[in-house]
N, C-alpha and C. Protein backbone atom coordinates (compact mmCIF):
# COMPACT_ATOMS: atom_id res chain seq x y z
N MET A 1 66.70 -60.60 0.16
CA MET A 1 66.79 -59.00 0.03
C MET A 1 66.04 -58.52 -1.05
N LYS A 2 65.18 -57.69 -0.66
CA LYS A 2 64.49 -56.80 -1.69
C LYS A 2 65.11 -55.88 -2.63
N SER A 3 65.06 -56.04 -3.85
CA SER A 3 65.74 -55.02 -4.80
C SER A 3 64.95 -53.59 -4.85
N THR A 4 65.72 -52.77 -5.30
CA THR A 4 65.08 -51.48 -5.48
C THR A 4 64.88 -51.19 -6.95
N ASP A 5 63.72 -50.70 -7.16
CA ASP A 5 63.36 -50.26 -8.70
C ASP A 5 63.88 -49.07 -8.99
N THR A 6 65.08 -49.02 -9.87
CA THR A 6 65.72 -47.74 -10.19
C THR A 6 65.34 -47.20 -11.56
N SER A 7 64.27 -47.82 -12.23
CA SER A 7 63.85 -47.48 -13.48
C SER A 7 63.09 -46.16 -13.41
N GLU A 8 62.89 -45.37 -14.53
CA GLU A 8 62.08 -44.25 -14.48
C GLU A 8 60.49 -44.43 -14.13
N LYS A 9 60.02 -45.63 -14.42
CA LYS A 9 58.80 -45.91 -14.01
C LYS A 9 58.58 -46.23 -12.43
N GLY A 10 59.59 -46.51 -11.93
CA GLY A 10 59.91 -47.04 -10.49
C GLY A 10 59.78 -45.51 -9.79
N LEU A 11 60.83 -44.57 -10.29
CA LEU A 11 60.85 -43.20 -9.58
C LEU A 11 59.34 -42.66 -9.79
N GLU A 12 58.74 -42.68 -10.92
CA GLU A 12 57.43 -42.10 -11.15
C GLU A 12 56.36 -42.53 -10.14
N SER A 13 56.40 -43.94 -9.96
CA SER A 13 55.50 -44.31 -8.87
C SER A 13 55.74 -43.74 -7.53
N ILE A 14 57.03 -43.59 -7.00
CA ILE A 14 57.51 -43.00 -5.88
C ILE A 14 56.91 -41.52 -5.73
N VAL A 15 57.32 -40.76 -6.80
CA VAL A 15 56.74 -39.36 -6.76
C VAL A 15 55.24 -39.23 -6.72
N VAL A 16 54.55 -40.07 -7.59
CA VAL A 16 52.95 -39.92 -7.60
C VAL A 16 52.73 -40.29 -6.25
N ALA A 17 52.98 -41.49 -5.59
CA ALA A 17 52.58 -41.92 -4.43
C ALA A 17 52.80 -40.84 -3.33
N SER A 18 53.94 -39.96 -3.11
CA SER A 18 54.14 -39.09 -2.40
C SER A 18 53.17 -37.97 -2.38
N LEU A 19 52.98 -37.43 -3.89
CA LEU A 19 52.04 -36.28 -4.03
C LEU A 19 50.79 -36.82 -3.60
N VAL A 20 50.19 -37.85 -3.94
CA VAL A 20 48.78 -38.23 -3.57
C VAL A 20 48.52 -38.44 -2.29
N GLU A 21 49.59 -39.26 -1.60
CA GLU A 21 49.35 -39.65 -0.25
C GLU A 21 49.73 -38.61 0.88
N GLU A 22 50.77 -37.91 0.52
CA GLU A 22 51.34 -36.83 1.51
C GLU A 22 50.95 -35.41 1.37
N ALA A 23 50.65 -35.08 -0.08
CA ALA A 23 50.57 -33.79 -0.28
C ALA A 23 49.21 -33.31 -0.66
N GLY A 24 48.44 -34.20 -0.81
CA GLY A 24 46.91 -33.97 -1.07
C GLY A 24 46.51 -33.93 -2.53
N TYR A 25 47.35 -34.21 -3.39
CA TYR A 25 47.16 -34.12 -4.78
C TYR A 25 46.21 -35.26 -5.23
N VAL A 26 45.41 -35.00 -6.32
CA VAL A 26 44.57 -35.96 -6.91
C VAL A 26 45.01 -36.52 -8.20
N GLN A 27 45.37 -37.73 -8.25
CA GLN A 27 45.91 -38.32 -9.51
C GLN A 27 44.91 -38.16 -10.63
N GLY A 28 45.22 -37.50 -11.75
CA GLY A 28 44.50 -37.41 -12.84
C GLY A 28 44.63 -38.39 -13.94
N ASN A 29 43.83 -38.32 -14.96
CA ASN A 29 43.89 -39.40 -16.09
C ASN A 29 44.46 -38.84 -17.29
N SER A 30 45.32 -39.28 -17.96
CA SER A 30 45.98 -38.61 -19.13
C SER A 30 44.74 -38.48 -20.25
N GLN A 31 43.77 -39.12 -20.33
CA GLN A 31 42.79 -38.69 -21.43
C GLN A 31 42.00 -37.41 -21.28
N ASP A 32 42.20 -36.95 -19.92
CA ASP A 32 41.54 -35.68 -19.61
C ASP A 32 42.45 -34.48 -20.02
N TYR A 33 43.64 -34.71 -20.52
CA TYR A 33 44.60 -33.69 -20.76
C TYR A 33 44.30 -33.25 -22.29
N ASP A 34 44.29 -31.83 -22.43
CA ASP A 34 44.20 -31.28 -23.75
C ASP A 34 45.49 -30.89 -24.19
N ARG A 35 45.83 -31.64 -25.22
CA ARG A 35 47.34 -31.16 -25.70
C ARG A 35 47.33 -29.78 -26.33
N GLU A 36 46.29 -29.59 -27.03
CA GLU A 36 46.22 -28.23 -27.80
C GLU A 36 46.49 -27.06 -26.91
N TYR A 37 45.56 -27.05 -25.76
CA TYR A 37 45.60 -25.90 -24.93
C TYR A 37 46.47 -26.19 -23.51
N ALA A 38 46.96 -27.35 -23.59
CA ALA A 38 48.01 -27.81 -22.25
C ALA A 38 47.32 -27.43 -20.99
N VAL A 39 46.13 -28.07 -20.98
CA VAL A 39 45.42 -27.90 -19.68
C VAL A 39 44.73 -29.24 -19.51
N ASP A 40 44.37 -29.58 -18.15
CA ASP A 40 43.57 -30.86 -17.85
C ASP A 40 42.07 -30.31 -17.68
N GLY A 41 41.43 -31.13 -18.51
CA GLY A 41 40.03 -30.59 -18.50
C GLY A 41 39.06 -30.92 -17.36
N VAL A 42 39.59 -31.53 -16.48
CA VAL A 42 38.66 -31.96 -15.08
C VAL A 42 39.21 -31.06 -13.97
């Protein structure tokens, strides 16, 4: 029997996969995020 990952990281993986595979989002890179201006530079 396969166990379910109920951690925060497991939930994040499910959400990201859904957004990228089903909703057409493009996964970004955290290094592109400008914390000072709160925007993604790419």
